[in-house]
Amino acid sequence: MSMGIAPDAVAPVREAVRATARRVLARGGREPEPTDLPPGLVDEVRTAVGVPDRARGYTVVRGLLDLESLGPTPPRWQDADLDADAEVNMVLLVIGACLGDVFGWTGQQDGRLVHDIVPSPESRELQVGASSAVPLVWHTEDAFHPRRAELLLLACLRNDDGIGTDIASVRRAQLTAQQLSALGRPGCAILPDDTYLPTAAQPAAASPAEPAAKSTSAWSAQRGGVSTIWPDVDGPCLRFDPSYTEFLDEDPDFRAHYAALDQALDACAETVPLVAGDLLLIDNDIAVHGRRSYAPRFDGSDRWLKRILIHLPRTRPEAELDEAGYRQAQVRMGA
């Protein structure tokens, strides 16, 4: 497991971040302003958190999140107690703002900047974070959108059952030059996941090589081909979400290479056993993530993560500039 700096070294940064969050809340602020983040604090947070390893694509930071008087896990994200969670949400926003530009989506969780990832009965068999009865298969976060996050922050509030987060890096996957080249062509389209749909969709695909046809006809009309893998100066990057992928032609070679990518990710996967207070940072251009199935109790003691999406100053393939992103608009902190 790729870890950040030692918890003892994090303690002073934790106190500085919490003090900043409390000042913002005391004045009635909903999010930190640039003046709340002096260069010293930004540097301290970036040193404490670091950046995800460019080979493994993730890092875990322990000791930066202090969970006091944590309430029960909400039965669904809509039921999260925003007043009770105000401090932990603000702490996460401060951390995120020190790392990059925090944003959300108007079409996801009411445009909130801090998302609650909890099991919900109505989503148990869907390919979304609120599922439980089925494995959450490999995916790039919001792979459908050209302005998806470069950095994904997952904060563990509760995980008494030790449910691991699975992570796999394209840079550790054993792929041939032929496979990398073939997956660089725009042979498939990626549609928005079920959290963006007004009604629940069909269950996920049975296999990555044959994504299921869902009730996504409204999205299909807007679809366009995207590259699954592209080269960066220090190695390959990927954009992968087989559960919401439609192939654009019947090319058997492309489908075989796509399935081989999924298998290669399986072969190099790591399971990260997050505990309460952990921060997991995932490089969304290098690593995909998922989760195994589990049996929630829906009694307030289930696994509970919070999620923040962060933009970093990076360049992606020029072809992505022409994508409309299915008209999904972003909510930017400070806007």
Foldseek 3Di string as FASTA:
>chain_A
DAEFDDLVLLQVLLVLLLVLLVVCVVVVHQADDPVSQPPVSLVSLCNQQPAADLQQFKYKGFNNQDDDPDFFQAQAQVPDDCVVCSSRVRSVRNSQVSVFWWWAWCLFSNRDQKTKQDAHPVCQQALDSNHFQAWNAWFQVLLQALQFFQKKKKAWAAAPPQWWKKKFFLNQFDDDPVLQVLLQDQFKWFFGGQSNDPDGKDGFDPALLDTDDIPVVVRVVQTDTHRQWDADPVGIWGGDDSRRMDGPDDPPVNSVSRRSSSVSRVVRMDIHRDHHRMMMMGRSGTMIIITGHDDDPSPRRHIMMMMIGGHDPDDDDPVSVPHCSSVIDMGTPPD
